[in-house]
Protein backbone atom coordinates (compact mmCIF):
# COMPACT_ATOMS: atom_id res chain seq x y z
CA MET A 1 0.00 0.00 0.00
CA LEU A 2 2.89 2.34 0.80
CA PHE A 3 4.31 1.75 -2.68
CA GLY A 4 0.96 2.68 -4.20
CA VAL A 5 0.89 5.93 -2.20
CA LEU A 6 4.42 6.87 -3.24
CA ALA A 7 3.78 5.88 -6.87
CA ALA A 8 0.69 8.08 -7.00
CA ARG A 9 2.83 10.99 -5.73
CA ALA A 10 5.17 10.29 -8.65
CA ASP A 11 2.22 10.61 -11.08
CA TRP A 12 1.76 6.89 -11.65
CA SER A 13 -1.81 5.94 -12.39
CA VAL A 14 -3.74 3.26 -10.52
CA TRP A 15 -3.44 1.08 -13.63
CA ASP A 16 0.36 1.51 -13.64
CA VAL A 17 0.53 0.35 -10.02
CA LEU A 18 -1.86 -2.52 -10.71
CA LEU A 19 0.14 -3.73 -13.71
CA ILE A 20 3.53 -3.59 -12.03
CA GLY A 21 2.05 -5.57 -9.14
CA LEU A 22 0.68 -8.20 -11.51
CA LEU A 23 3.74 -8.45 -13.76
CA GLY A 24 6.59 -7.71 -11.34
CA PHE A 25 5.50 -9.19 -8.03
CA THR A 26 8.31 -7.87 -5.84
CA GLY A 27 8.39 -5.20 -3.17
CA SER A 28 12.07 -4.32 -3.34
CA GLY A 29 12.04 -4.27 -7.15
CA GLN A 30 9.04 -1.94 -7.24
CA PHE A 31 10.55 0.46 -4.71
CA ALA A 32 13.84 0.45 -6.66
CA ALA A 33 12.07 1.17 -9.94
CA LEU A 34 10.13 4.11 -8.52
CA PRO A 35 12.98 6.62 -8.07
CA LEU A 36 14.52 5.49 -11.36
CA SER A 37 11.30 6.27 -13.21
CA GLU A 38 11.14 9.68 -11.52
CA SER A 39 14.67 10.44 -12.73
CA GLY A 40 13.71 9.63 -16.33
CA ALA A 41 15.34 6.20 -16.64
CA GLY A 42 14.29 4.16 -19.66
CA PHE A 43 12.23 0.98 -19.64
CA LEU A 44 15.29 -1.22 -20.27
CA THR A 45 17.04 0.22 -17.20
CA LEU A 46 13.95 -0.39 -15.06
CA LEU A 47 13.72 -3.95 -16.38
CA LEU A 48 17.39 -4.72 -15.72
CA VAL A 49 17.32 -3.31 -12.18
CA THR A 50 14.13 -5.19 -11.27
CA THR A 51 15.45 -8.42 -12.81
CA SER A 52 18.71 -8.05 -10.92
CA ILE A 53 16.94 -7.60 -7.58
CA ASN A 54 14.55 -10.46 -8.35
CA SER A 55 17.46 -12.82 -9.02
CA ARG A 56 17.35 -13.63 -5.31
CA TYR A 57 14.33 -15.81 -6.11
CA LEU A 58 16.50 -18.31 -7.99
CA PRO A 59 17.58 -20.25 -4.88
CA MET A 60 14.00 -20.10 -3.57
CA ALA A 61 12.64 -21.51 -6.83
CA LEU A 62 15.32 -24.21 -6.77
CA THR A 63 14.10 -25.58 -3.44
CA THR A 64 10.35 -25.27 -4.07
CA GLY A 65 9.97 -26.78 -7.54
CA THR A 66 8.78 -30.14 -6.23
CA ARG A 67 5.73 -28.62 -4.48
CA LEU A 68 4.33 -26.90 -7.57
CA PRO A 69 1.17 -28.19 -9.32
CA ARG A 70 1.71 -30.60 -12.21
CA THR A 71 -0.42 -28.91 -14.88
CA THR A 72 1.55 -26.43 -17.02
CA PHE A 73 -0.61 -23.34 -16.52
CA ARG A 74 -0.95 -23.74 -12.75
CA ARG A 75 2.75 -24.52 -12.46
CA MET A 76 3.73 -21.36 -14.36
CA TRP A 77 1.27 -19.16 -12.46
CA CYS A 78 2.32 -20.59 -9.11
CA ALA A 79 6.00 -20.04 -9.94
CA HIS A 80 5.27 -16.44 -10.88
CA MET A 81 3.62 -15.82 -7.51
CA LEU A 82 6.66 -17.00 -5.51
CA GLY A 83 7.61 -14.32 -2.98
CA ASP A 84 9.51 -13.92 0.26
CA GLU A 85 6.40 -14.25 2.42
CA ALA A 86 5.16 -17.37 0.63
CA TYR A 87 8.59 -18.98 0.80
CA ALA A 88 8.80 -18.32 4.53
CA SER A 89 5.26 -19.60 5.16
CA GLU A 90 5.24 -22.84 3.16
CA ARG A 91 6.35 -26.15 4.61
CA HIS A 92 8.69 -28.44 2.68
CA ASP A 93 5.96 -31.09 2.39
CA GLU A 94 3.19 -28.63 1.48
CA PRO A 95 0.68 -30.14 -1.00
CA PRO A 96 0.55 -28.33 -4.37
CA VAL A 97 -3.03 -27.19 -3.78
CA ASN A 98 -2.00 -25.49 -0.53
CA VAL A 99 1.02 -23.87 -2.20
CA LEU A 100 -1.27 -22.43 -4.87
CA ARG A 101 -3.70 -21.11 -2.25
CA ILE A 102 -0.97 -19.54 -0.09
CA ARG A 103 0.72 -17.81 -3.00
CA ALA A 104 -2.54 -16.69 -4.61
CA ALA A 105 -3.76 -15.15 -1.35
CA ILE A 106 -0.52 -13.23 -0.78
CA PHE A 107 -0.34 -12.19 -4.43
CA ALA A 108 -3.94 -10.93 -4.52
CA VAL A 109 -3.54 -8.94 -1.30
CA TRP A 110 -0.28 -7.45 -2.57
CA VAL A 111 -1.69 -6.32 -5.92
CA LEU A 112 -4.96 -4.97 -4.51
CA ALA A 113 -3.21 -3.19 -1.63
CA GLY A 114 -0.92 -1.46 -4.10
CA ALA A 115 -3.88 -0.25 -6.15
CA LEU A 116 -5.64 0.90 -2.98
CA GLY A 117 -2.51 2.79 -1.98
CA ALA A 118 -2.48 4.54 -5.35
CA LEU A 119 -6.07 5.66 -4.75
CA LEU A 120 -5.21 6.87 -1.24
CA GLY A 121 -2.18 8.72 -2.59
CA GLN A 122 -4.50 10.97 -4.54
CA VAL A 123 -6.38 12.13 -1.42
CA LEU A 124 -3.85 11.97 1.45
CA PRO A 125 -2.02 15.16 2.50
CA ALA A 126 1.12 15.88 0.50
CA ASP A 127 3.33 15.72 3.63
CA TRP A 128 2.31 12.15 4.50
CA PRO A 129 4.11 9.92 5.21
CA PRO A 130 6.78 11.98 7.02
CA GLY A 131 10.30 11.48 5.71
CA ASP A 132 11.59 10.20 9.06
CA MET A 133 8.91 7.50 9.45
CA ASN A 134 10.14 3.97 8.73
CA LEU A 135 6.94 2.29 7.58
CA GLY A 136 8.83 -0.74 6.31
CA PHE A 137 10.01 -1.80 9.77
CA PRO A 138 6.86 -3.78 10.81
CA ALA A 139 6.94 -5.73 7.55
CA SER A 140 10.61 -6.55 8.12
CA VAL A 141 9.87 -7.85 11.62
CA VAL A 142 7.08 -10.10 10.33
CA LEU A 143 9.30 -11.45 7.55
CA LEU A 144 12.14 -12.08 10.02
CA TYR A 145 9.76 -14.05 12.29
CA LEU A 146 8.52 -16.14 9.36
CA SER A 147 12.08 -16.79 8.19
CA ILE A 148 13.18 -17.95 11.66
CA SER A 149 10.14 -20.24 11.87
CA GLN A 150 10.98 -21.72 8.46
CA LEU A 151 14.61 -22.20 9.48
CA ARG A 152 13.61 -24.02 12.68
CA THR A 153 11.36 -26.36 10.70
CA THR A 154 14.11 -27.04 8.18
CA ILE A 155 16.75 -27.78 10.80
CA ALA A 156 14.38 -30.12 12.63
CA SER A 157 13.92 -32.18 9.46
CA ILE A 158 17.66 -32.46 8.66
CA ASP A 159 19.18 -32.61 12.16
CA ARG A 160 21.74 -35.21 11.14
CA ARG A 161 23.17 -32.97 8.42
CA VAL A 162 23.33 -29.70 10.36
CA PRO A 163 27.18 -29.54 10.54
CA ALA A 164 27.53 -30.13 6.78
CA ILE A 165 24.82 -27.59 5.93
CA PHE A 166 26.34 -25.06 8.33
CA ALA A 167 29.72 -25.53 6.64
CA LEU A 168 28.08 -25.05 3.26
CA GLY A 169 26.47 -21.81 4.46
CA VAL A 170 29.84 -20.54 5.68
CA LEU A 171 31.38 -21.44 2.30
CA CYS A 172 28.68 -19.51 0.44
CA ALA A 173 29.10 -16.52 2.78
CA VAL A 174 32.87 -16.48 2.24
CA ALA A 175 32.44 -16.72 -1.53
CA VAL A 176 29.93 -13.86 -1.61
CA THR A 177 32.18 -11.76 0.65
CA GLY A 178 34.97 -12.31 -1.84
CA LEU A 179 32.71 -11.10 -4.65
CA ILE A 180 31.83 -7.98 -2.63
CA LEU A 181 35.54 -7.20 -2.18
CA LEU A 182 36.24 -7.94 -5.84
CA LEU A 183 33.26 -6.31 -7.54
CA GLY A 184 31.99 -3.85 -4.94
CA PRO A 185 28.74 -3.63 -2.95
CA VAL A 186 26.59 -2.99 -6.04
CA TYR A 187 27.79 -5.36 -8.75
CA PHE A 188 28.34 -8.43 -6.57
CA TRP A 189 24.58 -9.10 -6.32
CA VAL A 190 23.80 -11.04 -9.50
CA PRO A 191 27.06 -13.07 -9.62
CA GLY A 192 26.64 -13.79 -5.91
CA VAL A 193 23.10 -15.11 -6.33
CA LEU A 194 24.12 -17.20 -9.35
CA LEU A 195 27.11 -18.64 -7.48
CA VAL A 196 25.06 -19.58 -4.40
CA THR A 197 22.35 -21.08 -6.61
CA PHE A 198 24.94 -23.18 -8.47
CA VAL A 199 26.49 -24.45 -5.23
CA LEU A 200 23.13 -25.33 -3.69
CA SER A 201 21.94 -27.03 -6.88
CA ARG A 202 24.96 -29.34 -6.79
CA VAL A 203 24.57 -30.50 -3.19
CA TRP A 204 20.96 -29.94 -2.06
CA PRO A 205 18.82 -33.10 -2.19
């Protein structure tokens, strides 16, 4: 909803907000695209930035492919709706029908809330929200709680392999740190995600 409010302030229409929610289902990507569009960046730049940020979904998709529905259309649609909240909420043994319901519910709320925010942005005072108000903090706390819950469930199911998985996590962290030192804090992102995805795809069951 906050994105919709800010987008309306940047002269985006409700349809613009609705479409970017439907086609580019990602909070961080949308917030990154907003200032770029205000500065006059082209469509290709917006696409590349959003794709780069969304590359973090590659490892998530790698570990959730087995829970997707079998039919082609449902499988594609369900994969498109993969997000941080859905990934943190789903269990490893979640039936495909439940995965579709979880992701569809989160996706629908996300898209509709963005459109509602765009409508509110047209009527709220120009000085709201204040610049020093961190409205993203509650969402971060919820996502952190869901992530910790997912991690506890995962560790409980693989307790015999915890040392090996911990070592693998340290290896990935060291490799990504090396990329940060080599490429800098901006350009390490995509190679780092691809490297971690490759490592996990070789060893994860």
